[in-house]
Protein backbone atom coordinates (compact mmCIF):
# COMPACT_ATOMS: atom_id res chain seq x y z
CA MET A 1 22.39 -57.45 22.68
CA THR A 2 25.80 -56.73 24.19
CA ALA A 3 26.44 -54.18 26.90
CA GLY A 4 28.31 -51.92 24.45
CA ARG A 5 25.36 -51.83 22.09
CA TRP A 6 22.97 -51.09 24.96
CA THR A 7 25.19 -48.18 25.95
CA GLN A 8 25.18 -46.80 22.39
CA TRP A 9 21.40 -47.18 22.20
CA ASP A 10 20.85 -45.34 25.49
CA ALA A 11 23.17 -42.54 24.38
CA ALA A 12 21.36 -42.17 21.07
CA ARG A 13 17.97 -42.21 22.78
CA SER A 14 18.97 -39.56 25.32
CA GLY A 15 20.47 -37.44 22.54
CA LEU A 16 17.23 -37.67 20.57
CA ALA A 17 15.25 -36.65 23.63
CA ARG A 18 17.49 -33.63 24.22
CA GLY A 19 17.09 -32.66 20.57
CA LEU A 20 13.30 -32.83 20.79
CA VAL A 21 13.33 -30.69 23.93
CA ARG A 22 15.53 -28.08 22.25
CA ALA A 23 13.33 -28.08 19.16
CA GLY A 24 10.22 -27.58 21.30
CA ALA A 25 11.87 -24.70 23.15
CA ALA A 26 12.88 -23.10 19.87
CA LEU A 27 9.35 -23.36 18.48
CA ALA A 28 7.93 -21.87 21.65
CA ALA A 29 10.38 -18.98 21.42
CA LEU A 30 9.37 -18.35 17.83
CA ALA A 31 5.70 -18.46 18.74
CA LEU A 32 6.03 -15.76 21.41
CA PRO A 33 6.70 -12.80 19.08
CA VAL A 34 4.08 -14.07 16.64
CA SER A 35 1.40 -14.23 19.34
CA ALA A 36 2.47 -10.85 20.70
CA PHE A 37 2.20 -9.33 17.23
CA ALA A 38 -1.25 -10.86 16.75
CA GLN A 39 -2.42 -9.41 20.07
CA ALA A 40 -1.06 -5.99 19.14
CA ALA A 41 -2.71 -6.12 15.74
CA GLY A 42 -5.99 -7.20 17.27
CA LYS A 43 -6.18 -4.02 19.34
CA ASP A 44 -6.16 -1.76 16.28
CA PHE A 45 -6.96 -3.94 13.30
CA GLU A 46 -6.50 -2.40 9.88
CA PRO A 47 -8.01 -4.12 6.81
CA ASP A 48 -5.54 -5.68 4.39
CA GLU A 49 -2.62 -5.12 6.77
CA PRO A 50 0.09 -7.77 6.22
CA VAL A 51 0.87 -10.17 9.05
CA ARG A 52 3.91 -12.24 9.90
CA TRP A 53 4.39 -15.55 8.13
CA GLN A 54 2.01 -14.44 5.40
CA LEU A 55 2.64 -16.56 2.29
CA ASN A 56 0.45 -14.88 -0.32
CA MET A 57 -0.43 -11.37 -1.40
CA THR A 58 -3.58 -9.80 0.00
CA PRO A 59 -6.66 -9.25 -2.20
CA GLY A 60 -6.81 -5.55 -1.35
CA VAL A 61 -9.91 -3.44 -0.79
CA THR A 62 -10.57 -2.04 -4.27
CA HIS A 63 -11.71 -3.39 -7.62
CA THR A 64 -8.23 -2.76 -9.04
CA ALA A 65 -6.54 -4.68 -6.22
CA GLN A 66 -8.97 -7.57 -6.65
CA MET A 67 -8.18 -7.74 -10.37
CA ALA A 68 -4.45 -7.85 -9.63
CA TYR A 69 -5.01 -10.60 -7.05
CA ASP A 70 -7.15 -12.65 -9.46
CA ALA A 71 -4.56 -12.33 -12.23
CA HIS A 72 -1.83 -13.39 -9.82
CA MET A 73 -3.76 -16.45 -8.64
CA PHE A 74 -4.66 -17.46 -12.20
CA ALA A 75 -1.02 -17.27 -13.32
CA LEU A 76 0.08 -19.11 -10.18
CA TRP A 77 -2.24 -22.08 -10.77
CA VAL A 78 -1.30 -22.24 -14.45
CA CYS A 79 2.35 -22.48 -13.38
CA VAL A 80 1.46 -25.13 -10.79
CA VAL A 81 -0.31 -27.27 -13.40
CA ILE A 82 2.58 -26.89 -15.86
CA GLY A 83 5.08 -27.78 -13.16
CA VAL A 84 3.16 -30.88 -12.09
CA LEU A 85 2.85 -32.11 -15.68
CA VAL A 86 6.47 -31.42 -16.64
CA PHE A 87 8.09 -32.77 -13.49
CA GLY A 88 5.64 -35.67 -13.35
CA ALA A 89 6.53 -36.70 -16.92
CA MET A 90 10.22 -36.26 -16.16
CA PHE A 91 10.18 -38.40 -13.00
CA TYR A 92 8.00 -41.02 -14.70
CA ALA A 93 10.45 -41.27 -17.60
CA MET A 94 13.43 -41.47 -15.22
CA PHE A 95 11.80 -44.30 -13.24
CA LYS A 96 10.12 -46.21 -16.05
CA PHE A 97 12.96 -46.14 -18.54
CA ARG A 98 15.98 -46.43 -16.27
CA ARG A 99 19.07 -48.24 -17.41
CA SER A 100 18.89 -50.84 -14.64
CA LYS A 101 15.75 -52.24 -16.30
CA GLY A 102 17.47 -52.51 -19.64
CA ALA A 103 16.10 -49.37 -21.25
CA VAL A 104 18.10 -47.95 -24.15
CA ALA A 105 18.12 -44.24 -24.92
CA ALA A 106 16.35 -43.32 -28.14
CA GLN A 107 18.43 -41.69 -30.85
CA PHE A 108 16.73 -39.03 -32.97
CA SER A 109 17.58 -35.54 -34.18
CA HIS A 110 14.24 -34.08 -35.26
CA ASN A 111 10.61 -34.87 -34.62
CA THR A 112 8.27 -32.56 -36.47
CA THR A 113 5.21 -33.55 -34.46
CA ALA A 114 6.92 -32.98 -31.09
CA GLU A 115 8.31 -29.62 -32.19
CA ILE A 116 4.88 -28.43 -33.36
CA ILE A 117 3.29 -29.52 -30.09
CA TRP A 118 5.82 -27.85 -27.79
CA THR A 119 5.57 -24.66 -29.86
CA ILE A 120 1.79 -24.42 -30.20
CA VAL A 121 0.91 -25.35 -26.61
CA PRO A 122 3.02 -22.57 -24.93
CA VAL A 123 1.63 -20.01 -27.40
CA ILE A 124 -1.94 -21.02 -26.50
CA ILE A 125 -1.12 -20.82 -22.78
CA LEU A 126 0.37 -17.32 -23.19
CA ILE A 127 -2.70 -16.11 -25.10
CA VAL A 128 -5.03 -17.51 -22.44
CA MET A 129 -3.03 -15.69 -19.75
CA ALA A 130 -2.49 -12.44 -21.69
CA TRP A 131 -6.09 -11.83 -22.70
CA PRO A 132 -7.61 -11.30 -19.22
CA ALA A 133 -4.48 -9.52 -18.03
CA THR A 134 -4.70 -7.00 -20.88
CA THR A 135 -8.40 -6.29 -20.32
CA LYS A 136 -7.76 -5.76 -16.61
CA LEU A 137 -4.83 -3.44 -17.33
CA ILE A 138 -6.94 -1.30 -19.67
CA SER A 139 -9.74 -0.97 -17.10
CA GLU A 140 -7.22 0.20 -14.48
CA TYR A 141 -6.70 3.42 -16.46
CA ASP A 142 -10.36 4.13 -17.20
CA THR A 143 -11.05 7.21 -15.07
CA ARG A 144 -14.42 8.01 -16.65
CA ASP A 145 -17.53 8.50 -14.50
CA SER A 146 -15.52 9.55 -11.45
CA ALA A 147 -17.47 11.21 -8.66
CA MET A 148 -14.57 13.36 -7.42
CA THR A 149 -10.98 14.23 -8.25
CA VAL A 150 -8.02 14.53 -5.89
CA LYS A 151 -4.75 16.11 -6.99
CA ILE A 152 -1.62 14.63 -5.40
CA THR A 153 1.65 16.57 -5.54
CA GLY A 154 4.91 15.14 -4.26
CA TYR A 155 7.52 17.31 -2.56
CA GLN A 156 10.78 16.60 -0.78
CA TRP A 157 9.58 15.06 1.51
CA LEU A 158 5.83 15.38 1.93
CA TRP A 159 2.57 15.18 0.00
CA LYS A 160 0.01 17.81 -0.87
CA TYR A 161 -3.62 16.81 -1.41
CA GLU A 162 -6.14 19.04 -3.20
CA TYR A 163 -9.83 18.20 -3.53
CA LEU A 164 -10.49 19.82 -6.90
CA GLY A 165 -13.65 21.89 -7.03
CA GLU A 166 -14.02 21.91 -3.24
CA ASP A 167 -11.38 24.53 -2.28
CA VAL A 168 -9.88 22.11 0.25
CA SER A 169 -6.16 21.33 0.33
CA PHE A 170 -3.56 20.42 2.95
CA LEU A 171 -0.06 19.02 3.40
CA SER A 172 0.64 15.54 4.77
CA ARG A 173 4.00 14.68 6.25
CA LEU A 174 5.62 12.28 8.69
CA ASP A 175 4.05 12.41 12.14
CA ARG A 176 5.96 14.79 14.39
CA LYS A 177 6.31 12.18 17.13
CA ASP A 178 7.89 9.68 14.74
CA ASP A 179 10.13 12.41 13.33
CA VAL A 180 11.45 13.20 16.82
CA ILE A 181 12.04 9.50 17.59
CA ARG A 182 13.96 8.83 14.38
CA GLN A 183 16.33 11.72 15.07
CA SER A 184 17.00 10.60 18.65
CA ARG A 185 18.66 7.52 20.09
CA VAL A 186 15.38 6.10 21.35
CA VAL A 187 14.60 2.60 20.01
CA PRO A 188 10.85 2.31 19.34
CA THR A 189 8.98 -0.87 20.18
CA LEU A 190 5.88 -2.47 18.74
CA ALA A 191 4.00 -1.82 21.96
CA SER A 192 4.93 1.85 22.27
CA ASN A 193 4.68 2.79 18.59
CA PRO A 194 3.08 0.07 16.41
CA HIS A 195 3.13 2.26 13.27
CA TYR A 196 6.56 3.80 13.58
CA LEU A 197 7.48 5.87 10.49
CA ARG A 198 4.08 4.99 8.95
CA ASP A 199 1.93 7.70 10.55
CA VAL A 200 1.25 11.17 9.17
CA ASP A 201 -0.10 14.37 10.64
CA ASN A 202 -2.91 14.76 8.07
CA PRO A 203 -4.20 11.59 6.37
CA LEU A 204 -6.00 11.62 3.03
CA VAL A 205 -9.72 11.12 3.73
CA LEU A 206 -11.83 9.41 1.05
CA PRO A 207 -15.41 8.11 0.91
CA VAL A 208 -16.07 4.40 0.39
CA ASN A 209 -18.05 3.04 -2.58
CA THR A 210 -17.11 6.12 -4.60
CA LYS A 211 -15.02 6.24 -7.75
CA VAL A 212 -12.24 8.71 -7.02
CA ARG A 213 -9.98 10.01 -9.77
CA PHE A 214 -6.40 10.98 -8.95
CA VAL A 215 -4.13 13.31 -10.86
CA VAL A 216 -0.56 12.81 -9.70
CA THR A 217 2.42 15.10 -10.25
CA ALA A 218 5.48 16.44 -8.42
CA ASP A 219 7.08 19.81 -7.79
CA ASP A 220 10.78 18.98 -7.52
CA VAL A 221 11.96 15.40 -8.24
CA ILE A 222 10.31 12.11 -9.19
CA HIS A 223 8.22 10.51 -6.46
CA SER A 224 5.79 7.57 -6.54
CA TRP A 225 2.48 7.41 -4.67
CA TRP A 226 1.84 3.85 -3.52
CA VAL A 227 -0.73 2.33 -1.16
CA PRO A 228 -0.63 -1.49 -1.62
CA ALA A 229 -4.21 -2.04 -0.44
CA LEU A 230 -5.51 0.13 -3.29
CA GLY A 231 -3.82 -2.10 -5.86
CA TRP A 232 -1.86 0.43 -7.92
CA LYS A 233 1.22 2.64 -7.90
CA GLN A 234 1.61 5.89 -9.82
CA ASP A 235 4.75 7.94 -10.47
CA ALA A 236 4.70 11.64 -9.61
CA ILE A 237 6.87 13.38 -12.22
CA PRO A 238 7.52 17.15 -12.42
CA GLY A 239 5.84 18.68 -15.45
CA ILE A 240 3.72 15.56 -16.13
CA VAL A 241 0.24 14.71 -14.83
CA ASN A 242 -0.53 11.00 -14.46
CA GLU A 243 -3.97 9.58 -13.77
CA ALA A 244 -5.31 6.77 -11.61
CA TRP A 245 -8.54 5.89 -9.86
CA THR A 246 -9.81 3.90 -6.93
CA ASP A 247 -13.07 2.73 -5.39
CA ILE A 248 -12.52 1.63 -1.80
CA ARG A 249 -15.01 -0.96 -0.59
CA THR A 250 -14.12 -1.30 3.08
CA PRO A 251 -13.78 1.54 5.63
CA GLY A 252 -10.46 1.60 7.43
CA ILE A 253 -6.94 2.96 7.45
CA TYR A 254 -4.56 2.05 4.63
CA ARG A 255 -0.87 2.85 4.67
CA GLY A 256 1.70 3.29 1.98
CA GLN A 257 5.01 4.90 1.13
CA CYS A 258 6.80 6.84 -1.57
CA ALA A 259 8.13 4.12 -3.88
CA GLU A 260 10.66 6.15 -5.86
CA LEU A 261 14.08 7.11 -4.47
CA CYS A 262 13.66 10.88 -4.11
CA GLY A 263 16.44 12.00 -1.76
CA LYS A 264 17.84 11.55 1.71
CA ASP A 265 14.43 11.48 3.45
CA HIS A 266 12.78 9.18 0.93
CA GLY A 267 12.24 6.58 3.66
CA PHE A 268 10.34 9.11 5.80
CA MET A 269 7.58 9.97 3.35
CA PRO A 270 4.63 7.78 4.42
CA ILE A 271 1.09 7.81 3.06
CA VAL A 272 -2.05 7.23 5.10
CA VAL A 273 -5.51 6.94 3.56
CA ARG A 274 -8.56 6.96 5.84
CA ALA A 275 -11.65 5.55 4.13
CA VAL A 276 -14.94 6.55 5.76
CA SER A 277 -18.63 6.40 4.93
CA LYS A 278 -20.09 8.95 2.54
CA GLU A 279 -21.95 10.69 5.37
CA GLU A 280 -18.84 10.99 7.51
CA PHE A 281 -16.85 12.25 4.52
CA SER A 282 -19.45 14.96 3.86
CA ARG A 283 -19.18 16.13 7.48
CA TRP A 284 -15.37 16.09 7.32
CA LEU A 285 -15.36 18.05 4.05
CA ALA A 286 -17.69 20.67 5.52
CA GLN A 287 -15.36 21.07 8.51
CA GLN A 288 -12.36 21.53 6.23
CA LYS A 289 -14.19 24.15 4.19
CA ALA A 290 -15.10 25.99 7.39
CA LYS A 291 -11.45 26.02 8.44
CA SER A 292 -10.27 27.46 5.15
CA ALA A 293 -13.09 29.98 4.82
CA PRO A 294 -12.00 33.62 5.31
CA VAL A 295 -12.86 35.11 8.68
CA PRO A 296 -15.59 37.74 8.23
CA THR A 297 -14.63 41.19 9.48
CA ALA A 298 -17.08 43.52 11.26
CA PRO A 299 -18.09 46.54 9.17
CA ALA A 300 -16.46 49.77 10.22
CA THR A 301 -18.69 52.11 12.28
CA PRO A 302 -19.18 55.42 10.43
CA VAL A 303 -17.85 58.43 12.30
CA ALA A 304 -20.30 61.35 12.60
CA ALA A 305 -19.05 64.54 10.99
CA ALA A 306 -18.37 67.46 13.35
CA PRO A 307 -21.03 70.26 13.09
CA ALA A 308 -19.93 73.44 11.27
CA ALA A 309 -19.20 76.44 13.49
CA SER A 310 -21.86 79.22 13.38
CA ALA A 311 -21.24 82.92 13.25
CA ILE A 312 -22.38 83.31 16.84
CA ASP A 313 -19.86 80.73 18.09
CA THR A 314 -17.04 82.11 15.99
CA PRO A 315 -14.85 84.32 18.14
CA THR A 316 -14.42 87.84 16.82
CA PRO A 317 -10.78 88.78 16.34
CA ALA A 318 -9.49 91.74 18.36
CA GLY A 319 -10.04 95.11 16.73
CA GLY A 320 -12.73 93.74 14.44
């Protein structure tokens, strides 16, 4: 090998080495925020919370969310199988019957058998996919046999929760700390405020393993109550009452957001659901009832009537 070629080879090798070093540094830099996020999430783990580099939807924590996840996975694998078959046949035909091997393109205008096949097969596939999806969709709106009912009312820009039949209701709005930060020039960080703009002052508390019926409406404009982990989204429309239900399986904190553009503070209308055990929920409900109960007033002390004046004590007027 000549000296010039050795020089070119050394230059190429050194360039490759520099490229590998830069690539390693870049991967390390990318890994730092990911590891930091994982450490932060590990301190206060919330079930079904999305993580960075997540490639698939989460299965949720309710029966409805699980049904949506199963339907998604079923449709995904059907599409994968169709894609493999179609592209496999296409690449096989391109390789097997290429012109360089002397293949001649077939000339035909109609083929009744082929047309019947590529019409019947997609119809069968659609029926197979539509049947379970339809049954799941119907069950999502079956609110019968609910153990309790919560009324949700959307306002600009907060939520009101009412536990029907329990005389317990409260408002839930953006956490005051987050509200102050968003109106200032302070830039929040993941370490200082991991749930920035996703915290509320009063979360909705629900018991686990209990079918809860929701009636959703609004007082001013259209809102939409959405907690992804619960697996459904319901519009809150003035003058209309929509229904939904949930049955949370895992205790934890689940966050959501108004999903309908409802005004200038639409982005500052978070939702927080705290799922607790049935015993803890009973204690919490009793505390809320005690707070809203009227304060008993002490009965008024009767005032004794003054004794009537007697004739002896009555002064005699002058000249009488």
